[in-house]
Amino acid sequence: WYRQAPGKQRELVASITTTNIPDYADAVKGRF
C-alpha cells in the first residue's frame, strides 16, 4: 500500500511478501 497527499510524492505505507513478512513505514508502525 502507498499513499499520496495533495502536493506530495507517493510514499510506501506497508508491504508484504509471499511468505507473509511485513514491512511498515515508521509513521504507521504499531498502528497499521
Full PDB file with SEQRES, HELIX, SHEET, SSBOND, CRYST1, ORIGX, SCALE, CONECT and MASTER records, all heavy atoms in Angstrom:
SEQRES   1 A   32  TRP TYR ARG GLN ALA PRO GLY LYS GLN ARG GLU LEU VAL          
SEQRES   2 A   32  ALA SER ILE THR THR THR ASN ILE PRO ASP TYR ALA ASP          
SEQRES   3 A   32  ALA VAL LYS GLY ARG PHE                                      
HELIX    1 AA1 ASP A   26  VAL A   28  5                                   3    
SHEET    1 AA1 2 ALA A  14  ILE A  16  0                                        
SHEET    2 AA1 2 PRO A  22  TYR A  24 -1                                        
CRYST1    1.000    1.000    1.000  90.00  90.00  90.00 P 1           1          
ORIGX1      1.000000  0.000000  0.000000        0.00000                         
ORIGX2      0.000000  1.000000  0.000000        0.00000                         
ORIGX3      0.000000  0.000000  1.000000        0.00000                         
SCALE1      1.000000  0.000000  0.000000        0.00000                         
SCALE2      0.000000  1.000000  0.000000        0.00000                         
SCALE3      0.000000  0.000000  1.000000        0.00000                         
ATOM      1  N   TRP A   1       0.832  -1.190   0.000  1.00  0.00           N  
ATOM      2  CA  TRP A   1       0.000   0.000   0.000  1.00  0.00           C  
ATOM      3  C   TRP A   1       0.872   1.247   0.000  1.00  0.00           C  
ATOM      4  O   TRP A   1       1.850   1.326   0.752  1.00  0.00           O  
ATOM      5  CB  TRP A   1      -0.919   0.036   1.223  1.00  0.00           C  
ATOM      6  CG  TRP A   1      -2.010  -0.982   1.191  1.00  0.00           C  
ATOM      7  CD1 TRP A   1      -1.998  -2.227   1.726  1.00  0.00           C  
ATOM      8  CD2 TRP A   1      -3.293  -0.817   0.580  1.00  0.00           C  
ATOM      9  NE1 TRP A   1      -3.197  -2.867   1.495  1.00  0.00           N  
ATOM     10  CE2 TRP A   1      -4.009  -2.021   0.791  1.00  0.00           C  
ATOM     11  CE3 TRP A   1      -3.910   0.210  -0.116  1.00  0.00           C  
ATOM     12  CZ2 TRP A   1      -5.309  -2.211   0.327  1.00  0.00           C  
ATOM     13  CZ3 TRP A   1      -5.199   0.026  -0.586  1.00  0.00           C  
ATOM     14  CH2 TRP A   1      -5.883  -1.170  -0.361  1.00  0.00           C  
ATOM     15  N   TYR A   2       0.525   2.194  -0.848  1.00  0.00           N  
ATOM     16  CA  TYR A   2       1.145   3.505  -0.897  1.00  0.00           C  
ATOM     17  C   TYR A   2       0.083   4.558  -0.641  1.00  0.00           C  
ATOM     18  O   TYR A   2      -1.110   4.291  -0.765  1.00  0.00           O  
ATOM     19  CB  TYR A   2       1.790   3.754  -2.263  1.00  0.00           C  
ATOM     20  CG  TYR A   2       3.026   2.929  -2.540  1.00  0.00           C  
ATOM     21  CD1 TYR A   2       2.945   1.563  -2.782  1.00  0.00           C  
ATOM     22  CD2 TYR A   2       4.288   3.527  -2.581  1.00  0.00           C  
ATOM     23  CE1 TYR A   2       4.074   0.812  -3.044  1.00  0.00           C  
ATOM     24  CE2 TYR A   2       5.422   2.780  -2.849  1.00  0.00           C  
ATOM     25  CZ  TYR A   2       5.308   1.431  -3.080  1.00  0.00           C  
ATOM     26  OH  TYR A   2       6.431   0.684  -3.349  1.00  0.00           O  
ATOM     27  N   ARG A   3       0.525   5.754  -0.300  1.00  0.00           N  
ATOM     28  CA  ARG A   3      -0.421   6.849  -0.135  1.00  0.00           C  
ATOM     29  C   ARG A   3       0.187   8.135  -0.670  1.00  0.00           C  
ATOM     30  O   ARG A   3       1.401   8.303  -0.705  1.00  0.00           O  
ATOM     31  CB  ARG A   3      -0.835   7.024   1.329  1.00  0.00           C  
ATOM     32  CG  ARG A   3       0.276   7.468   2.268  1.00  0.00           C  
ATOM     33  CD  ARG A   3      -0.221   7.460   3.702  1.00  0.00           C  
ATOM     34  NE  ARG A   3       0.794   7.904   4.646  1.00  0.00           N  
ATOM     35  CZ  ARG A   3       0.654   7.857   5.966  1.00  0.00           C  
ATOM     36  NH1 ARG A   3      -0.470   7.379   6.507  1.00  0.00           N  
ATOM     37  NH2 ARG A   3       1.635   8.292   6.758  1.00  0.00           N  
ATOM     38  N   GLN A   4      -0.686   9.038  -1.082  1.00  0.00           N  
ATOM     39  CA  GLN A   4      -0.258  10.315  -1.630  1.00  0.00           C  
ATOM     40  C   GLN A   4      -1.203  11.416  -1.172  1.00  0.00           C  
ATOM     41  O   GLN A   4      -2.399  11.367  -1.441  1.00  0.00           O  
ATOM     42  CB  GLN A   4      -0.206  10.259  -3.152  1.00  0.00           C  
ATOM     43  CG  GLN A   4       0.368  11.501  -3.802  1.00  0.00           C  
ATOM     44  CD  GLN A   4       0.604  11.311  -5.291  1.00  0.00           C  
ATOM     45  OE1 GLN A   4      -0.023  10.472  -5.928  1.00  0.00           O  
ATOM     46  NE2 GLN A   4       1.520  12.083  -5.844  1.00  0.00           N  
ATOM     47  N   ALA A   5      -0.649  12.393  -0.493  1.00  0.00           N  
ATOM     48  CA  ALA A   5      -1.399  13.565  -0.075  1.00  0.00           C  
ATOM     49  C   ALA A   5      -1.245  14.653  -1.135  1.00  0.00           C  
ATOM     50  O   ALA A   5      -0.281  14.642  -1.902  1.00  0.00           O  
ATOM     51  CB  ALA A   5      -0.904  14.063   1.280  1.00  0.00           C  
ATOM     52  N   PRO A   6      -2.178  15.602  -1.198  1.00  0.00           N  
ATOM     53  CA  PRO A   6      -2.087  16.673  -2.198  1.00  0.00           C  
ATOM     54  C   PRO A   6      -0.760  17.418  -2.139  1.00  0.00           C  
ATOM     55  O   PRO A   6      -0.315  17.819  -1.068  1.00  0.00           O  
ATOM     56  CB  PRO A   6      -3.257  17.592  -1.834  1.00  0.00           C  
ATOM     57  CG  PRO A   6      -4.237  16.687  -1.170  1.00  0.00           C  
ATOM     58  CD  PRO A   6      -3.398  15.708  -0.393  1.00  0.00           C  
ATOM     59  N   GLY A   7      -0.126  17.569  -3.289  1.00  0.00           N  
ATOM     60  CA  GLY A   7       1.129  18.287  -3.369  1.00  0.00           C  
ATOM     61  C   GLY A   7       2.343  17.522  -2.896  1.00  0.00           C  
ATOM     62  O   GLY A   7       3.445  18.083  -2.853  1.00  0.00           O  
ATOM     63  N   LYS A   8       2.181  16.259  -2.540  1.00  0.00           N  
ATOM     64  CA  LYS A   8       3.289  15.458  -2.049  1.00  0.00           C  
ATOM     65  C   LYS A   8       3.518  14.236  -2.934  1.00  0.00           C  
ATOM     66  O   LYS A   8       2.656  13.839  -3.715  1.00  0.00           O  
ATOM     67  CB  LYS A   8       3.032  15.006  -0.611  1.00  0.00           C  
ATOM     68  CG  LYS A   8       2.922  16.143   0.393  1.00  0.00           C  
ATOM     69  CD  LYS A   8       2.751  15.617   1.800  1.00  0.00           C  
ATOM     70  CE  LYS A   8       2.682  16.749   2.809  1.00  0.00           C  
ATOM     71  NZ  LYS A   8       2.514  16.228   4.196  1.00  0.00           N  
ATOM     72  N   GLN A   9       4.699  13.666  -2.796  1.00  0.00           N  
ATOM     73  CA  GLN A   9       5.033  12.462  -3.537  1.00  0.00           C  
ATOM     74  C   GLN A   9       4.377  11.240  -2.909  1.00  0.00           C  
ATOM     75  O   GLN A   9       4.092  11.211  -1.709  1.00  0.00           O  
ATOM     76  CB  GLN A   9       6.550  12.271  -3.580  1.00  0.00           C  
ATOM     77  CG  GLN A   9       7.288  13.343  -4.359  1.00  0.00           C  
ATOM     78  CD  GLN A   9       6.961  13.294  -5.825  1.00  0.00           C  
ATOM     79  OE1 GLN A   9       6.948  12.229  -6.442  1.00  0.00           O  
ATOM     80  NE2 GLN A   9       6.681  14.451  -6.406  1.00  0.00           N  
ATOM     81  N   ARG A  10       4.149  10.238  -3.724  1.00  0.00           N  
ATOM     82  CA  ARG A  10       3.613   8.992  -3.235  1.00  0.00           C  
ATOM     83  C   ARG A  10       4.645   8.298  -2.344  1.00  0.00           C  
ATOM     84  O   ARG A  10       5.827   8.249  -2.679  1.00  0.00           O  
ATOM     85  CB  ARG A  10       3.227   8.098  -4.412  1.00  0.00           C  
ATOM     86  CG  ARG A  10       2.455   6.859  -4.038  1.00  0.00           C  
ATOM     87  CD  ARG A  10       1.992   6.111  -5.287  1.00  0.00           C  
ATOM     88  NE  ARG A  10       1.143   6.939  -6.141  1.00  0.00           N  
ATOM     89  CZ  ARG A  10       0.572   6.491  -7.254  1.00  0.00           C  
ATOM     90  NH1 ARG A  10       0.749   5.238  -7.644  1.00  0.00           N  
ATOM     91  NH2 ARG A  10      -0.176   7.313  -7.976  1.00  0.00           N  
ATOM     92  N   GLU A  11       4.202   7.761  -1.212  1.00  0.00           N  
ATOM     93  CA  GLU A  11       5.105   7.117  -0.281  1.00  0.00           C  
ATOM     94  C   GLU A  11       4.607   5.733   0.101  1.00  0.00           C  
ATOM     95  O   GLU A  11       3.401   5.473   0.138  1.00  0.00           O  
ATOM     96  CB  GLU A  11       5.278   7.966   0.984  1.00  0.00           C  
ATOM     97  CG  GLU A  11       3.997   8.150   1.787  1.00  0.00           C  
ATOM     98  CD  GLU A  11       4.210   8.954   3.056  1.00  0.00           C  
ATOM     99  OE1 GLU A  11       5.357   9.371   3.324  1.00  0.00           O  
ATOM    100  OE2 GLU A  11       3.228   9.173   3.794  1.00  0.00           O  
ATOM    101  N   LEU A  12       5.545   4.857   0.399  1.00  0.00           N  
ATOM    102  CA  LEU A  12       5.215   3.500   0.812  1.00  0.00           C  
ATOM    103  C   LEU A  12       4.655   3.507   2.223  1.00  0.00           C  
ATOM    104  O   LEU A  12       5.232   4.115   3.124  1.00  0.00           O  
ATOM    105  CB  LEU A  12       6.452   2.609   0.744  1.00  0.00           C  
ATOM    106  CG  LEU A  12       6.283   1.175   1.259  1.00  0.00           C  
ATOM    107  CD1 LEU A  12       5.344   0.388   0.360  1.00  0.00           C  
ATOM    108  CD2 LEU A  12       7.627   0.476   1.361  1.00  0.00           C  
ATOM    109  N   VAL A  13       3.548   2.809   2.422  1.00  0.00           N  
ATOM    110  CA  VAL A  13       2.939   2.658   3.735  1.00  0.00           C  
ATOM    111  C   VAL A  13       3.292   1.307   4.338  1.00  0.00           C  
ATOM    112  O   VAL A  13       3.758   1.212   5.473  1.00  0.00           O  
ATOM    113  CB  VAL A  13       1.413   2.812   3.667  1.00  0.00           C  
ATOM    114  CG1 VAL A  13       0.782   2.583   5.048  1.00  0.00           C  
ATOM    115  CG2 VAL A  13       1.044   4.193   3.138  1.00  0.00           C  
ATOM    116  N   ALA A  14       3.055   0.246   3.584  1.00  0.00           N  
ATOM    117  CA  ALA A  14       3.320  -1.106   4.056  1.00  0.00           C  
ATOM    118  C   ALA A  14       3.414  -2.054   2.879  1.00  0.00           C  
ATOM    119  O   ALA A  14       2.824  -1.816   1.823  1.00  0.00           O  
ATOM    120  CB  ALA A  14       2.225  -1.569   5.022  1.00  0.00           C  
ATOM    121  N   SER A  15       4.150  -3.135   3.062  1.00  0.00           N  
ATOM    122  CA  SER A  15       4.257  -4.170   2.046  1.00  0.00           C  
ATOM    123  C   SER A  15       4.302  -5.525   2.727  1.00  0.00           C  
ATOM    124  O   SER A  15       4.585  -5.625   3.928  1.00  0.00           O  
ATOM    125  CB  SER A  15       5.499  -3.967   1.171  1.00  0.00           C  
ATOM    126  OG  SER A  15       6.685  -4.086   1.934  1.00  0.00           O  
ATOM    127  N   ILE A  16       4.033  -6.559   1.949  1.00  0.00           N  
ATOM    128  CA  ILE A  16       4.043  -7.911   2.493  1.00  0.00           C  
ATOM    129  C   ILE A  16       4.503  -8.880   1.420  1.00  0.00           C  
ATOM    130  O   ILE A  16       4.094  -8.795   0.262  1.00  0.00           O  
ATOM    131  CB  ILE A  16       2.650  -8.296   3.048  1.00  0.00           C  
ATOM    132  CG1 ILE A  16       2.708  -9.646   3.765  1.00  0.00           C  
ATOM    133  CG2 ILE A  16       1.596  -8.277   1.951  1.00  0.00           C  
ATOM    134  CD1 ILE A  16       1.465  -9.928   4.595  1.00  0.00           C  
ATOM    135  N   THR A  17       5.374  -9.804   1.800  1.00  0.00           N  
ATOM    136  CA  THR A  17       5.923 -10.763   0.864  1.00  0.00           C  
ATOM    137  C   THR A  17       5.013 -11.968   0.727  1.00  0.00           C  
ATOM    138  O   THR A  17       4.010 -12.109   1.434  1.00  0.00           O  
ATOM    139  CB  THR A  17       7.312 -11.235   1.313  1.00  0.00           C  
ATOM    140  OG1 THR A  17       7.182 -12.029   2.504  1.00  0.00           O  
ATOM    141  CG2 THR A  17       8.229 -10.053   1.606  1.00  0.00           C  
ATOM    142  N   THR A  18       5.387 -12.877  -0.167  1.00  0.00           N  
ATOM    143  CA  THR A  18       4.615 -14.100  -0.363  1.00  0.00           C  
ATOM    144  C   THR A  18       4.688 -15.019   0.844  1.00  0.00           C  
ATOM    145  O   THR A  18       3.836 -15.895   1.004  1.00  0.00           O  
ATOM    146  CB  THR A  18       5.094 -14.859  -1.600  1.00  0.00           C  
ATOM    147  OG1 THR A  18       6.493 -15.140  -1.488  1.00  0.00           O  
ATOM    148  CG2 THR A  18       4.851 -14.034  -2.862  1.00  0.00           C  
ATOM    149  N   THR A  19       5.694 -14.832   1.689  1.00  0.00           N  
ATOM    150  CA  THR A  19       5.830 -15.617   2.908  1.00  0.00           C  
ATOM    151  C   THR A  19       5.307 -14.868   4.129  1.00  0.00           C  
ATOM    152  O   THR A  19       5.635 -15.209   5.267  1.00  0.00           O  
ATOM    153  CB  THR A  19       7.289 -16.036   3.130  1.00  0.00           C  
ATOM    154  OG1 THR A  19       8.133 -14.885   3.105  1.00  0.00           O  
ATOM    155  CG2 THR A  19       7.733 -17.004   2.051  1.00  0.00           C  
ATOM    156  N   ASN A  20       4.503 -13.841   3.894  1.00  0.00           N  
ATOM    157  CA  ASN A  20       3.836 -13.080   4.953  1.00  0.00           C  
ATOM    158  C   ASN A  20       4.795 -12.310   5.851  1.00  0.00           C  
ATOM    159  O   ASN A  20       4.542 -12.147   7.046  1.00  0.00           O  
ATOM    160  CB  ASN A  20       2.946 -13.989   5.793  1.00  0.00           C  
ATOM    161  CG  ASN A  20       1.660 -14.373   5.094  1.00  0.00           C  
ATOM    162  OD1 ASN A  20       1.243 -13.721   4.140  1.00  0.00           O  
ATOM    163  ND2 ASN A  20       1.036 -15.437   5.563  1.00  0.00           N  
ATOM    164  N   ILE A  21       5.877 -11.825   5.277  1.00  0.00           N  
ATOM    165  CA  ILE A  21       6.786 -10.958   6.011  1.00  0.00           C  
ATOM    166  C   ILE A  21       6.399  -9.514   5.726  1.00  0.00           C  
ATOM    167  O   ILE A  21       6.506  -9.050   4.592  1.00  0.00           O  
ATOM    168  CB  ILE A  21       8.245 -11.209   5.622  1.00  0.00           C  
ATOM    169  CG1 ILE A  21       8.630 -12.655   5.935  1.00  0.00           C  
ATOM    170  CG2 ILE A  21       9.162 -10.244   6.362  1.00  0.00           C  
ATOM    171  CD1 ILE A  21      10.016 -13.034   5.483  1.00  0.00           C  
ATOM    172  N   PRO A  22       5.943  -8.776   6.747  1.00  0.00           N  
ATOM    173  CA  PRO A  22       5.507  -7.397   6.517  1.00  0.00           C  
ATOM    174  C   PRO A  22       6.617  -6.382   6.712  1.00  0.00           C  
ATOM    175  O   PRO A  22       7.623  -6.649   7.387  1.00  0.00           O  
ATOM    176  CB  PRO A  22       4.420  -7.212   7.577  1.00  0.00           C  
ATOM    177  CG  PRO A  22       4.923  -8.027   8.734  1.00  0.00           C  
ATOM    178  CD  PRO A  22       5.644  -9.215   8.123  1.00  0.00           C  
ATOM    179  N   ASP A  23       6.429  -5.228   6.131  1.00  0.00           N  
ATOM    180  CA  ASP A  23       7.317  -4.102   6.321  1.00  0.00           C  
ATOM    181  C   ASP A  23       6.459  -2.847   6.382  1.00  0.00           C  
ATOM    182  O   ASP A  23       5.513  -2.713   5.604  1.00  0.00           O  
ATOM    183  CB  ASP A  23       8.330  -4.008   5.179  1.00  0.00           C  
ATOM    184  CG  ASP A  23       9.459  -3.039   5.481  1.00  0.00           C  
ATOM    185  OD1 ASP A  23       9.695  -2.735   6.659  1.00  0.00           O  
ATOM    186  OD2 ASP A  23      10.122  -2.591   4.523  1.00  0.00           O  
ATOM    187  N   TYR A  24       6.789  -1.935   7.307  1.00  0.00           N  
ATOM    188  CA  TYR A  24       5.965  -0.753   7.519  1.00  0.00           C  
ATOM    189  C   TYR A  24       6.803   0.512   7.519  1.00  0.00           C  
ATOM    190  O   TYR A  24       7.957   0.510   7.943  1.00  0.00           O  
ATOM    191  CB  TYR A  24       5.226  -0.834   8.858  1.00  0.00           C  
ATOM    192  CG  TYR A  24       4.293  -2.000   8.996  1.00  0.00           C  
ATOM    193  CD1 TYR A  24       4.694  -3.174   9.623  1.00  0.00           C  
ATOM    194  CD2 TYR A  24       2.992  -1.921   8.503  1.00  0.00           C  
ATOM    195  CE1 TYR A  24       3.828  -4.248   9.754  1.00  0.00           C  
ATOM    196  CE2 TYR A  24       2.115  -2.988   8.625  1.00  0.00           C  
ATOM    197  CZ  TYR A  24       2.543  -4.153   9.258  1.00  0.00           C  
ATOM    198  OH  TYR A  24       1.672  -5.216   9.383  1.00  0.00           O  
ATOM    199  N   ALA A  25       6.191   1.581   7.056  1.00  0.00           N  
ATOM    200  CA  ALA A  25       6.794   2.889   7.221  1.00  0.00           C  
ATOM    201  C   ALA A  25       6.807   3.247   8.702  1.00  0.00           C  
ATOM    202  O   ALA A  25       5.911   2.854   9.458  1.00  0.00           O  
ATOM    203  CB  ALA A  25       6.016   3.942   6.436  1.00  0.00           C  
ATOM    204  N   ASP A  26       7.811   3.991   9.128  1.00  0.00           N  
ATOM    205  CA  ASP A  26       7.932   4.346  10.540  1.00  0.00           C  
ATOM    206  C   ASP A  26       6.688   5.068  11.054  1.00  0.00           C  
ATOM    207  O   ASP A  26       6.297   4.889  12.213  1.00  0.00           O  
ATOM    208  CB  ASP A  26       9.163   5.220  10.767  1.00  0.00           C  
ATOM    209  CG  ASP A  26      10.457   4.451  10.617  1.00  0.00           C  
ATOM    210  OD1 ASP A  26      10.436   3.211  10.714  1.00  0.00           O  
ATOM    211  OD2 ASP A  26      11.496   5.101  10.414  1.00  0.00           O  
ATOM    212  N   ALA A  27       6.062   5.859  10.217  1.00  0.00           N  
ATOM    213  CA  ALA A  27       4.918   6.658  10.634  1.00  0.00           C  
ATOM    214  C   ALA A  27       3.696   5.834  11.007  1.00  0.00           C  
ATOM    215  O   ALA A  27       2.811   6.332  11.708  1.00  0.00           O  
ATOM    216  CB  ALA A  27       4.550   7.658   9.543  1.00  0.00           C  
ATOM    217  N   VAL A  28       3.636   4.577  10.557  1.00  0.00           N  
ATOM    218  CA  VAL A  28       2.447   3.764  10.801  1.00  0.00           C  
ATOM    219  C   VAL A  28       2.727   2.533  11.641  1.00  0.00           C  
ATOM    220  O   VAL A  28       1.790   1.783  11.956  1.00  0.00           O  
ATOM    221  CB  VAL A  28       1.770   3.342   9.479  1.00  0.00           C  
ATOM    222  CG1 VAL A  28       1.481   4.561   8.619  1.00  0.00           C  
ATOM    223  CG2 VAL A  28       2.636   2.342   8.721  1.00  0.00           C  
ATOM    224  N   LYS A  29       3.957   2.309  12.026  1.00  0.00           N  
ATOM    225  CA  LYS A  29       4.299   1.139  12.831  1.00  0.00           C  
ATOM    226  C   LYS A  29       3.534   1.143  14.151  1.00  0.00           C  
ATOM    227  O   LYS A  29       3.449   2.153  14.830  1.00  0.00           O  
ATOM    228  CB  LYS A  29       5.796   1.096  13.104  1.00  0.00           C  
ATOM    229  CG  LYS A  29       6.632   0.711  11.897  1.00  0.00           C  
ATOM    230  CD  LYS A  29       8.116   0.646  12.245  1.00  0.00           C  
ATOM    231  CE  LYS A  29       8.939   0.216  11.046  1.00  0.00           C  
ATOM    232  NZ  LYS A  29      10.390   0.198  11.345  1.00  0.00           N  
ATOM    233  N   GLY A  30       2.968  -0.012  14.485  1.00  0.00           N  
ATOM    234  CA  GLY A  30       2.194  -0.140  15.700  1.00  0.00           C  
ATOM    235  C   GLY A  30       0.746   0.242  15.549  1.00  0.00           C  
ATOM    236  O   GLY A  30      -0.061  -0.030  16.450  1.00  0.00           O  
ATOM    237  N   ARG A  31       0.380   0.862  14.418  1.00  0.00           N  
ATOM    238  CA  ARG A  31      -1.000   1.283  14.199  1.00  0.00           C  
ATOM    239  C   ARG A  31      -1.656   0.554  13.030  1.00  0.00           C  
ATOM    240  O   ARG A  31      -2.851   0.282  13.067  1.00  0.00           O  
ATOM    241  CB  ARG A  31      -1.071   2.789  13.952  1.00  0.00           C  
ATOM    242  CG  ARG A  31      -0.563   3.628  15.119  1.00  0.00           C  
ATOM    243  CD  ARG A  31      -0.833   5.106  14.895  1.00  0.00           C  
ATOM    244  NE  ARG A  31      -0.132   5.625  13.721  1.00  0.00           N  
ATOM    245  CZ  ARG A  31      -0.735   6.155  12.662  1.00  0.00           C  
ATOM    246  NH1 ARG A  31      -2.063   6.233  12.631  1.00  0.00           N  
ATOM    247  NH2 ARG A  31      -0.020   6.620  11.645  1.00  0.00           N  
ATOM    248  N   PHE A  32      -0.885   0.282  11.988  1.00  0.00           N  
ATOM    249  CA  PHE A  32      -1.405  -0.373  10.788  1.00  0.00           C  
ATOM    250  C   PHE A  32      -0.933  -1.818  10.726  1.00  0.00           C  
ATOM    251  O   PHE A  32       0.169  -2.150  11.180  1.00  0.00           O  
ATOM    252  CB  PHE A  32      -0.931   0.346   9.524  1.00  0.00           C  
ATOM    253  CG  PHE A  32      -1.508   1.713   9.318  1.00  0.00           C  
ATOM    254  CD1 PHE A  32      -2.244   2.357  10.304  1.00  0.00           C  
ATOM    255  CD2 PHE A  32      -1.300   2.373   8.116  1.00  0.00           C  
ATOM    256  CE1 PHE A  32      -2.767   3.625  10.113  1.00  0.00           C  
ATOM    257  CE2 PHE A  32      -1.816   3.640   7.904  1.00  0.00           C  
ATOM    258  CZ  PHE A  32      -2.551   4.269   8.896  1.00  0.00           C  
TER     259      PHE A  32                                                      
MASTER        0    0    0    1    2    0    0    6  258    1    0    3          
END                                                                             
